[in-house]
């Protein structure tokens, strides 16, 4: 490992003069441009962090060094170099990519830390920075931080004119539960004429997220048929609004949206198809759901799950099990939703042993059960009085308890109550 060298003061000016030339010569060779080894970028990095020597390099060379680091996955070195070089608009792109990467990895706090450091080093965020930061704030439900970032974007001139930033701000306020603020910002966008389909998708998603589904349906209706601001809804629009139809059992609105999807050629989108199947299934219209399913040329596990779950919820367990067997025959990867629906189906029919068999098969397959799965299988145990198996599952639940969310822990308490019911059932049987 090469170590940074501290040069005597009388030689520092020579290093300062020679370094940009050496870096430029290095990156001008075709061999260097093609090489992504760890050794050569390390040598270049040494040139940037020599203590006591101020960094000087032309923007082109700096950009190539940063590109080399980022493209080869050396994100910590990218950050180290960004800390050494003077702020410039041409290289803020790499700050944005680091923030974006943290958001995509669900490390939202790290994304906000990078944003704070970026500003502390006097880098100026641009129109691509703010949407990523708003996404991080929304995912954390951090209204205070999100409002502060929005104020900064406003002062910097990136709101009121940049539709991408405004759309992200609307979504952020919605994720934080500030629907009034989201609606206010959206209305201001309409007044200025700075909006697009994504703007409408954002505000519709806000109302679905907070459970105001009828308001979401009203906004969708206004979007596609309202006065001078009629816009063509896209696939995202339909995927956003169809769950609202399902939540309020508004199958008529769902059918209208289904018709809209057919007319606009959006039904070929697998996400739209899945959302329509799910809407019909949750409204109890399984014939319509099956019809859409059969007409889909491309299906994924979500398509199958929506149908299996729908049949299970309305008591058509034989149909659910037939689909389950077809999924296994077609080697479709089963996930926790599929397993839970089938286990629940058996449990609700009083077939506790069958529910246990499927649960064991699920564990062997490597699929991780959730709280709903555990509640369903314990219901099956309670139905047939299988105390030993019930206690085995209770032990499994206790082992997983610390990894559960707060709402799932409440379900664990409910699971324990089922074990008690099994005990009571066993005791009463013994007494008889």
Foldseek 3Di string as FASTA:
>chain_A
DDDADADDPVCLVVLQVCLQVVLVVQCVDPVSLPDLDPPVLVVNLSSQPRPPHQDDYDPVSLVSSLCSCVVSPNLVSNVVNVLRDQADPVPCVSLLVVLQVCVVVVNLVVSVVSVVVCVVSVHDDDLSNQLSNLSSLLVVLPPVVLVVSVVVCVVVPNPPAPQSNLLSSLLSCLSNVNLVVSVVSLVSCVVSVNYALSSLLSNLLSCVVVPVLVVSLVSLCCQCDNDPNHDQHALSSLLRNLVSCLVVLVVVSLVVVVVSCVVVVNLQPQSNLLSSLLSCLSNLNLVVSVVSLVPHPDYAQSSLLSNLLSCLVVLVLVVSVVSVVVCVVVVHDDAQSSLLSNLLSCLVVLNLVVSVVSVVVCVVVVHDHALSSLLSNLSSCLSVLVLVVLVVSLVVCVVCLVVDDPVSNVSNVVSVVSSVSSVVVVVVVVVD
